[in-house]
Structure formats: C-alpha cells, structure tokens
Amino acid sequence: MNLPNLFLQGAITGLLLTLSFGAGFFALVQTSITKGLQKGLMIALGAILSDIIFIGISLFATSFVNEELPKYSETIKWIGLFTFLGLGIRTILKSSKVVTGTEQGSRPLYYYVTKGFLLNIVNPLVLLTWLGISLYLQSTLSYTSSETFVFFSATMLATFASQAGICIFSHKIKGHLSENFLHKMNLFIGVLFILIGIGLFIGIGAEADPIENTKKIFDKLK
C-alpha cells in the first residue's frame, strides 16, 4: 500500500468534488459573505457529515442502494424538490435584507449544520457519486479495506479544508462587495436552488453513469 499516493489521490478527488460548483458550493459562498465565517464553516461541516453517511452506505450497504433505494425514488425526488424550492424561495424573499458590518444573523449554529447536511442528503447525485467511487476503488482498482479507508479519509480532509478555504476567502472579500452585488448574488443563488430542485425532480443528470464519472476523476489524477 503506497500511503502517500493513496492520500494524494483521495485529496485531489476531494478538491475536484468541492470545485464541482454544486448547490453546496454556492451555499458556502453566500453564507460566509452574508452571515459570517463561522456560519459558513457550519454549512461545510453539515455537508461533510452527510458525505460520511453516503460513503458508509456506499461501502457497506451496496445491495440496499441497488435493490431497495429505487423503491423510494419518487419520495426522495419530492423531498428534494420541496427542500430546494423552500431554500430558493426563502433566499429570494430575503435577498433584499443584506447583513452588513459585524451583524451575523441570529440563527443558531445547528441551523447551518442542518442546512449543509440537507443540501447534500436530498441530492441523489451525491450518493451516486460516492457509490461510483466506492465501486471503482473496490472492483476496478481492487483496493483493500485499509486502502479504501486511507483514500476516503484523505478525501474528507481535503474536502473540508477546501470548503474552509472557500469560506475564508468569501468572508475576506465581503468588505469589498457592494450591497447591490450581495442582493443580486442572493437572487442568483435562490434561483439556482429552485432550478436544482426542479432538475433533480425531472431527472436531469440521473442518467449519468457513476462508474464512468469516477473513471473521469481518476483520469485527471494520472
């Protein structure tokens, strides 16, 4: 087992997944700018927790994912739709209320952890991604349990580190952004959440092959 190589592969995979510019990425940027660095980091923590759950399901409950999960696909789609619609509409309605200065918002930290968690957990494409990576590591690369653990540990560390970097950078540039820009950013992200919810509901991206997507990731690592 080549530990440095495994760790590097996992770290780069985590970085690539973070920079995929999904709903979580924009939520990190928005929250760090409008609510403060600490709240942005809580979004990242919630996303990491859901990723860990998905990785566990991918590694230890493959039969459930393949055989049982499709039975609940309609329910999952409706939950995802209403979650993203709710987040989107709320973001648009509150877009004119920009937090400035030292004002950080009054919601407790667990609210932002939950928000980050939900953004991932209701998105079936996230589960497909982790499932694809797990299957590729085990079937194609023949990684042992120890190698898989090292890989995913590095992936999670790199994912959280890169998300934290996004939060820090977004918070640093907050003072250089106009109120009009922040208003437009909130509108954009609100609309984005709604479009993601609709896209997931009607199946955009559902036809993607997780194994093939994983191969593309590993091709970039060569």
C-alpha atoms as a PDB file:
ATOM      1  CA  MET A   1       0.000   0.000   0.000  1.00  0.00           C
ATOM      2  CA  ASN A   2       1.552   3.269  -1.160  1.00  0.00           C
ATOM      3  CA  LEU A   3       0.227   5.636   1.516  1.00  0.00           C
ATOM      4  CA  PRO A   4       1.472   8.926   0.004  1.00  0.00           C
ATOM      5  CA  ASN A   5      -0.046   8.045  -3.378  1.00  0.00           C
ATOM      6  CA  LEU A   6      -3.347   6.934  -1.840  1.00  0.00           C
ATOM      7  CA  PHE A   7      -3.537  10.070   0.258  1.00  0.00           C
ATOM      8  CA  LEU A   8      -2.761  12.261  -2.758  1.00  0.00           C
ATOM      9  CA  GLN A   9      -5.423  10.558  -4.871  1.00  0.00           C
ATOM     10  CA  GLY A  10      -8.014  10.995  -2.136  1.00  0.00           C
ATOM     11  CA  ALA A  11      -7.047  14.621  -1.538  1.00  0.00           C
ATOM     12  CA  ILE A  12      -7.261  15.566  -5.216  1.00  0.00           C
ATOM     13  CA  THR A  13     -10.596  13.750  -5.526  1.00  0.00           C
ATOM     14  CA  GLY A  14     -11.950  15.764  -2.591  1.00  0.00           C
ATOM     15  CA  LEU A  15     -10.728  19.008  -4.157  1.00  0.00           C
ATOM     16  CA  LEU A  16     -12.304  18.194  -7.533  1.00  0.00           C
ATOM     17  CA  LEU A  17     -15.624  17.330  -5.914  1.00  0.00           C
ATOM     18  CA  THR A  18     -15.597  20.570  -3.903  1.00  0.00           C
ATOM     19  CA  LEU A  19     -14.985  22.626  -7.033  1.00  0.00           C
ATOM     20  CA  SER A  20     -17.829  20.977  -8.939  1.00  0.00           C
ATOM     21  CA  PHE A  21     -19.886  24.165  -8.284  1.00  0.00           C
ATOM     22  CA  GLY A  22     -23.000  22.464  -6.987  1.00  0.00           C
ATOM     23  CA  ALA A  23     -25.582  23.839  -4.572  1.00  0.00           C
ATOM     24  CA  GLY A  24     -23.263  23.311  -1.606  1.00  0.00           C
ATOM     25  CA  PHE A  25     -20.509  25.421  -3.150  1.00  0.00           C
ATOM     26  CA  PHE A  26     -22.771  28.427  -3.646  1.00  0.00           C
ATOM     27  CA  ALA A  27     -24.296  27.974  -0.194  1.00  0.00           C
ATOM     28  CA  LEU A  28     -20.794  28.149   1.310  1.00  0.00           C
ATOM     29  CA  VAL A  29     -20.023  31.370  -0.545  1.00  0.00           C
ATOM     30  CA  GLN A  30     -23.359  33.004   0.227  1.00  0.00           C
ATOM     31  CA  THR A  31     -23.407  32.101   3.919  1.00  0.00           C
ATOM     32  CA  SER A  32     -19.779  33.119   4.515  1.00  0.00           C
ATOM     33  CA  ILE A  33     -20.392  36.510   2.914  1.00  0.00           C
ATOM     34  CA  THR A  34     -23.788  37.349   4.359  1.00  0.00           C
ATOM     35  CA  LYS A  35     -23.762  35.510   7.709  1.00  0.00           C
ATOM     36  CA  GLY A  36     -20.113  35.273   8.677  1.00  0.00           C
ATOM     37  CA  LEU A  37     -17.230  32.828   8.559  1.00  0.00           C
ATOM     38  CA  GLN A  38     -18.409  30.650  11.455  1.00  0.00           C
ATOM     39  CA  LYS A  39     -21.811  30.061   9.858  1.00  0.00           C
ATOM     40  CA  GLY A  40     -20.152  29.193   6.540  1.00  0.00           C
ATOM     41  CA  LEU A  41     -17.963  26.613   8.268  1.00  0.00           C
ATOM     42  CA  MET A  42     -21.070  25.067   9.810  1.00  0.00           C
ATOM     43  CA  ILE A  43     -22.509  24.628   6.298  1.00  0.00           C
ATOM     44  CA  ALA A  44     -19.284  22.805   5.377  1.00  0.00           C
ATOM     45  CA  LEU A  45     -19.499  20.632   8.499  1.00  0.00           C
ATOM     46  CA  GLY A  46     -23.067  19.605   7.692  1.00  0.00           C
ATOM     47  CA  ALA A  47     -22.082  18.680   4.145  1.00  0.00           C
ATOM     48  CA  ILE A  48     -19.152  16.590   5.407  1.00  0.00           C
ATOM     49  CA  LEU A  49     -21.411  14.715   7.832  1.00  0.00           C
ATOM     50  CA  SER A  50     -23.788  13.771   5.026  1.00  0.00           C
ATOM     51  CA  ASP A  51     -20.847  12.744   2.826  1.00  0.00           C
ATOM     52  CA  ILE A  52     -19.607  10.412   5.566  1.00  0.00           C
ATOM     53  CA  ILE A  53     -23.053   8.824   5.776  1.00  0.00           C
ATOM     54  CA  PHE A  54     -23.155   8.365   1.994  1.00  0.00           C
ATOM     55  CA  ILE A  55     -19.675   6.848   1.970  1.00  0.00           C
ATOM     56  CA  GLY A  56     -20.726   4.400   4.676  1.00  0.00           C
ATOM     57  CA  ILE A  57     -23.824   3.441   2.682  1.00  0.00           C
ATOM     58  CA  SER A  58     -21.735   3.031  -0.467  1.00  0.00           C
ATOM     59  CA  LEU A  59     -19.225   0.763   1.262  1.00  0.00           C
ATOM     60  CA  PHE A  60     -21.458  -1.333   3.488  1.00  0.00           C
ATOM     61  CA  ALA A  61     -24.958  -1.203   2.012  1.00  0.00           C
ATOM     62  CA  THR A  62     -24.415  -1.586  -1.725  1.00  0.00           C
ATOM     63  CA  SER A  63     -27.217  -4.146  -2.021  1.00  0.00           C
ATOM     64  CA  PHE A  64     -29.631  -1.749  -0.310  1.00  0.00           C
ATOM     65  CA  VAL A  65     -28.681   1.040  -2.716  1.00  0.00           C
ATOM     66  CA  ASN A  66     -29.119  -1.201  -5.747  1.00  0.00           C
ATOM     67  CA  GLU A  67     -32.243  -3.071  -4.682  1.00  0.00           C
ATOM     68  CA  GLU A  68     -34.188  -1.076  -2.077  1.00  0.00           C
ATOM     69  CA  LEU A  69     -33.397   2.592  -2.712  1.00  0.00           C
ATOM     70  CA  PRO A  70     -35.060   2.672  -6.174  1.00  0.00           C
ATOM     71  CA  LYS A  71     -38.357   1.794  -4.470  1.00  0.00           C
ATOM     72  CA  TYR A  72     -38.266   5.163  -2.711  1.00  0.00           C
ATOM     73  CA  SER A  73     -37.046   7.196  -5.690  1.00  0.00           C
ATOM     74  CA  GLU A  74     -40.317   9.126  -6.065  1.00  0.00           C
ATOM     75  CA  THR A  75     -40.419  10.039  -2.381  1.00  0.00           C
ATOM     76  CA  ILE A  76     -36.774  11.122  -2.490  1.00  0.00           C
ATOM     77  CA  LYS A  77     -37.436  13.285  -5.550  1.00  0.00           C
ATOM     78  CA  TRP A  78     -40.381  15.038  -3.879  1.00  0.00           C
ATOM     79  CA  ILE A  79     -38.388  15.669  -0.698  1.00  0.00           C
ATOM     80  CA  GLY A  80     -35.518  17.047  -2.736  1.00  0.00           C
ATOM     81  CA  LEU A  81     -37.829  19.241  -4.790  1.00  0.00           C
ATOM     82  CA  PHE A  82     -39.556  20.814  -1.773  1.00  0.00           C
ATOM     83  CA  THR A  83     -36.274  21.255   0.105  1.00  0.00           C
ATOM     84  CA  PHE A  84     -34.579  23.132  -2.740  1.00  0.00           C
ATOM     85  CA  LEU A  85     -37.736  25.085  -3.575  1.00  0.00           C
ATOM     86  CA  GLY A  86     -38.053  26.140   0.061  1.00  0.00           C
ATOM     87  CA  LEU A  87     -34.409  27.201   0.284  1.00  0.00           C
ATOM     88  CA  GLY A  88     -34.634  29.007  -3.045  1.00  0.00           C
ATOM     89  CA  ILE A  89     -37.824  30.914  -2.317  1.00  0.00           C
ATOM     90  CA  ARG A  90     -36.626  31.866   1.156  1.00  0.00           C
ATOM     91  CA  THR A  91     -33.300  33.105  -0.244  1.00  0.00           C
ATOM     92  CA  ILE A  92     -35.048  35.214  -2.880  1.00  0.00           C
ATOM     93  CA  LEU A  93     -37.511  36.711  -0.384  1.00  0.00           C
ATOM     94  CA  LYS A  94     -34.665  37.634   1.983  1.00  0.00           C
ATOM     95  CA  SER A  95     -32.339  38.827  -0.796  1.00  0.00           C
ATOM     96  CA  SER A  96     -33.024  42.485  -0.084  1.00  0.00           C
ATOM     97  CA  LYS A  97     -32.020  42.097   3.571  1.00  0.00           C
ATOM     98  CA  VAL A  98     -28.227  42.170   3.383  1.00  0.00           C
ATOM     99  CA  VAL A  99     -26.217  41.566   6.554  1.00  0.00           C
ATOM    100  CA  THR A 100     -23.503  44.150   6.889  1.00  0.00           C
ATOM    101  CA  GLY A 101     -20.718  45.011   9.297  1.00  0.00           C
ATOM    102  CA  THR A 102     -20.474  42.771  12.341  1.00  0.00           C
ATOM    103  CA  GLU A 103     -24.082  41.619  12.159  1.00  0.00           C
ATOM    104  CA  GLN A 104     -24.011  37.849  11.843  1.00  0.00           C
ATOM    105  CA  GLY A 105     -27.641  36.774  11.998  1.00  0.00           C
ATOM    106  CA  SER A 106     -29.497  35.280  14.957  1.00  0.00           C
ATOM    107  CA  ARG A 107     -29.987  31.659  13.922  1.00  0.00           C
ATOM    108  CA  PRO A 108     -28.147  29.016  16.000  1.00  0.00           C
ATOM    109  CA  LEU A 109     -25.161  27.193  14.557  1.00  0.00           C
ATOM    110  CA  TYR A 110     -27.021  23.881  14.297  1.00  0.00           C
ATOM    111  CA  TYR A 111     -29.369  25.522  11.756  1.00  0.00           C
ATOM    112  CA  TYR A 112     -26.453  25.963   9.351  1.00  0.00           C
ATOM    113  CA  VAL A 113     -25.116  22.467  10.041  1.00  0.00           C
ATOM    114  CA  THR A 114     -28.587  21.141   9.193  1.00  0.00           C
ATOM    115  CA  LYS A 115     -28.767  23.274   6.056  1.00  0.00           C
ATOM    116  CA  GLY A 116     -25.415  21.951   4.789  1.00  0.00           C
ATOM    117  CA  PHE A 117     -26.494  18.423   5.658  1.00  0.00           C
ATOM    118  CA  LEU A 118     -29.806  18.742   3.789  1.00  0.00           C
ATOM    119  CA  LEU A 119     -28.221  20.257   0.683  1.00  0.00           C
ATOM    120  CA  ASN A 120     -26.256  17.028   0.270  1.00  0.00           C
ATOM    121  CA  ILE A 121     -28.575  14.411   1.703  1.00  0.00           C
ATOM    122  CA  VAL A 122     -31.551  15.266  -0.542  1.00  0.00           C
ATOM    123  CA  ASN A 123     -29.425  15.205  -3.693  1.00  0.00           C
ATOM    124  CA  PRO A 124     -29.329  11.635  -5.081  1.00  0.00           C
ATOM    125  CA  LEU A 125     -26.474  12.583  -7.420  1.00  0.00           C
ATOM    126  CA  VAL A 126     -24.201  12.937  -4.384  1.00  0.00           C
ATOM    127  CA  LEU A 127     -24.968   9.360  -3.340  1.00  0.00           C
ATOM    128  CA  LEU A 128     -24.388   8.162  -6.908  1.00  0.00           C
ATOM    129  CA  THR A 129     -21.010   9.884  -6.926  1.00  0.00           C
ATOM    130  CA  TRP A 130     -19.833   8.205  -3.717  1.00  0.00           C
ATOM    131  CA  LEU A 131     -21.279   4.891  -4.841  1.00  0.00           C
ATOM    132  CA  GLY A 132     -19.417   5.149  -8.118  1.00  0.00           C
ATOM    133  CA  ILE A 133     -16.140   5.963  -6.407  1.00  0.00           C
ATOM    134  CA  SER A 134     -16.567   3.113  -3.912  1.00  0.00           C
ATOM    135  CA  LEU A 135     -17.347   0.557  -6.607  1.00  0.00           C
ATOM    136  CA  TYR A 136     -14.451   1.751  -8.747  1.00  0.00           C
ATOM    137  CA  LEU A 137     -11.980   1.514  -5.857  1.00  0.00           C
ATOM    138  CA  GLN A 138     -13.123  -1.975  -4.906  1.00  0.00           C
ATOM    139  CA  SER A 139     -13.853  -3.586  -8.273  1.00  0.00           C
ATOM    140  CA  THR A 140     -11.511  -1.897 -10.749  1.00  0.00           C
ATOM    141  CA  LEU A 141      -8.577  -0.820  -8.572  1.00  0.00           C
ATOM    142  CA  SER A 142      -9.004  -3.718  -6.091  1.00  0.00           C
ATOM    143  CA  TYR A 143      -8.319  -1.513  -3.068  1.00  0.00           C
ATOM    144  CA  THR A 144      -8.273  -3.287   0.287  1.00  0.00           C
ATOM    145  CA  SER A 145     -10.350  -2.055   3.225  1.00  0.00           C
ATOM    146  CA  SER A 146      -7.297  -0.270   4.649  1.00  0.00           C
ATOM    147  CA  GLU A 147      -6.509   1.426   1.339  1.00  0.00           C
ATOM    148  CA  THR A 148     -10.132   2.475   0.920  1.00  0.00           C
ATOM    149  CA  PHE A 149     -10.145   3.934   4.435  1.00  0.00           C
ATOM    150  CA  VAL A 150      -6.981   5.951   3.739  1.00  0.00           C
ATOM    151  CA  PHE A 151      -8.396   7.177   0.431  1.00  0.00           C
ATOM    152  CA  PHE A 152     -11.707   8.355   1.862  1.00  0.00           C
ATOM    153  CA  SER A 153     -10.038   9.851   4.945  1.00  0.00           C
ATOM    154  CA  ALA A 154      -7.875  11.964   2.645  1.00  0.00           C
ATOM    155  CA  THR A 155     -10.916  12.838   0.536  1.00  0.00           C
ATOM    156  CA  MET A 156     -12.867  14.092   3.544  1.00  0.00           C
ATOM    157  CA  LEU A 157      -9.915  16.050   4.943  1.00  0.00           C
ATOM    158  CA  ALA A 158      -9.276  17.707   1.576  1.00  0.00           C
ATOM    159  CA  THR A 159     -12.981  18.388   1.056  1.00  0.00           C
ATOM    160  CA  PHE A 160     -13.377  20.127   4.399  1.00  0.00           C
ATOM    161  CA  ALA A 161     -10.071  22.004   4.015  1.00  0.00           C
ATOM    162  CA  SER A 162     -11.031  23.292   0.564  1.00  0.00           C
ATOM    163  CA  GLN A 163     -14.516  24.212   1.757  1.00  0.00           C
ATOM    164  CA  ALA A 164     -12.998  26.052   4.703  1.00  0.00           C
ATOM    165  CA  GLY A 165     -10.730  27.890   2.252  1.00  0.00           C
ATOM    166  CA  ILE A 166     -13.766  28.931   0.220  1.00  0.00           C
ATOM    167  CA  CYS A 167     -15.458  30.193   3.395  1.00  0.00           C
ATOM    168  CA  ILE A 168     -12.385  32.177   4.482  1.00  0.00           C
ATOM    169  CA  PHE A 169     -11.875  33.736   1.054  1.00  0.00           C
ATOM    170  CA  SER A 170     -15.569  34.623   0.709  1.00  0.00           C
ATOM    171  CA  HIS A 171     -15.593  36.211   4.162  1.00  0.00           C
ATOM    172  CA  LYS A 172     -12.419  38.197   3.420  1.00  0.00           C
ATOM    173  CA  ILE A 173     -13.831  39.791   0.277  1.00  0.00           C
ATOM    174  CA  LYS A 174     -17.129  40.666   1.963  1.00  0.00           C
ATOM    175  CA  GLY A 175     -16.000  44.202   2.755  1.00  0.00           C
ATOM    176  CA  HIS A 176     -15.246  44.868  -0.906  1.00  0.00           C
ATOM    177  CA  LEU A 177     -18.685  43.882  -2.176  1.00  0.00           C
ATOM    178  CA  SER A 178     -21.484  46.370  -2.643  1.00  0.00           C
ATOM    179  CA  GLU A 179     -24.938  45.894  -1.203  1.00  0.00           C
ATOM    180  CA  ASN A 180     -26.319  45.751  -4.744  1.00  0.00           C
ATOM    181  CA  PHE A 181     -23.918  42.903  -5.597  1.00  0.00           C
ATOM    182  CA  LEU A 182     -24.943  40.955  -2.490  1.00  0.00           C
ATOM    183  CA  HIS A 183     -28.603  41.450  -3.374  1.00  0.00           C
ATOM    184  CA  LYS A 184     -28.032  40.088  -6.887  1.00  0.00           C
ATOM    185  CA  MET A 185     -25.938  37.223  -5.524  1.00  0.00           C
ATOM    186  CA  ASN A 186     -28.759  36.155  -3.212  1.00  0.00           C
ATOM    187  CA  LEU A 187     -31.256  36.335  -6.071  1.00  0.00           C
ATOM    188  CA  PHE A 188     -28.958  34.227  -8.265  1.00  0.00           C
ATOM    189  CA  ILE A 189     -28.432  31.588  -5.589  1.00  0.00           C
ATOM    190  CA  GLY A 190     -32.148  31.479  -4.784  1.00  0.00           C
ATOM    191  CA  VAL A 191     -32.990  30.860  -8.441  1.00  0.00           C
ATOM    192  CA  LEU A 192     -30.158  28.317  -8.629  1.00  0.00           C
ATOM    193  CA  PHE A 193     -31.609  26.330  -5.707  1.00  0.00           C
ATOM    194  CA  ILE A 194     -35.008  26.271  -7.409  1.00  0.00           C
ATOM    195  CA  LEU A 195     -33.518  25.112 -10.717  1.00  0.00           C
ATOM    196  CA  ILE A 196     -31.500  22.390  -8.986  1.00  0.00           C
ATOM    197  CA  GLY A 197     -34.625  21.139  -7.243  1.00  0.00           C
ATOM    198  CA  ILE A 198     -36.598  21.063 -10.494  1.00  0.00           C
ATOM    199  CA  GLY A 199     -33.678  19.463 -12.333  1.00  0.00           C
ATOM    200  CA  LEU A 200     -33.368  16.681  -9.777  1.00  0.00           C
ATOM    201  CA  PHE A 201     -37.127  16.128  -9.794  1.00  0.00           C
ATOM    202  CA  ILE A 202     -37.396  15.717 -13.570  1.00  0.00           C
ATOM    203  CA  GLY A 203     -34.268  13.599 -13.651  1.00  0.00           C
ATOM    204  CA  ILE A 204     -31.615  15.860 -15.201  1.00  0.00           C
ATOM    205  CA  GLY A 205     -28.309  14.128 -14.608  1.00  0.00           C
ATOM    206  CA  ALA A 206     -29.957  10.951 -13.306  1.00  0.00           C
ATOM    207  CA  GLU A 207     -28.843   9.071 -16.398  1.00  0.00           C
ATOM    208  CA  ALA A 208     -25.195   9.708 -15.592  1.00  0.00           C
ATOM    209  CA  ASP A 209     -23.093   6.589 -15.006  1.00  0.00           C
ATOM    210  CA  PRO A 210     -21.350   6.915 -11.600  1.00  0.00           C
ATOM    211  CA  ILE A 211     -18.642   4.452 -12.605  1.00  0.00           C
ATOM    212  CA  GLU A 212     -17.870   6.359 -15.796  1.00  0.00           C
ATOM    213  CA  ASN A 213     -17.819   9.670 -13.913  1.00  0.00           C
ATOM    214  CA  THR A 214     -15.433   8.175 -11.387  1.00  0.00           C
ATOM    215  CA  LYS A 215     -13.115   6.992 -14.163  1.00  0.00           C
ATOM    216  CA  LYS A 216     -13.000  10.553 -15.460  1.00  0.00           C
ATOM    217  CA  ILE A 217     -11.969  11.791 -11.999  1.00  0.00           C
ATOM    218  CA  PHE A 218      -9.172   9.252 -11.761  1.00  0.00           C
ATOM    219  CA  ASP A 219      -8.040  10.049 -15.300  1.00  0.00           C
ATOM    220  CA  LYS A 220      -7.424  13.586 -14.104  1.00  0.00           C
ATOM    221  CA  LEU A 221      -5.243  12.262 -11.319  1.00  0.00           C
ATOM    222  CA  LYS A 222      -2.847  10.487 -13.688  1.00  0.00           C
END
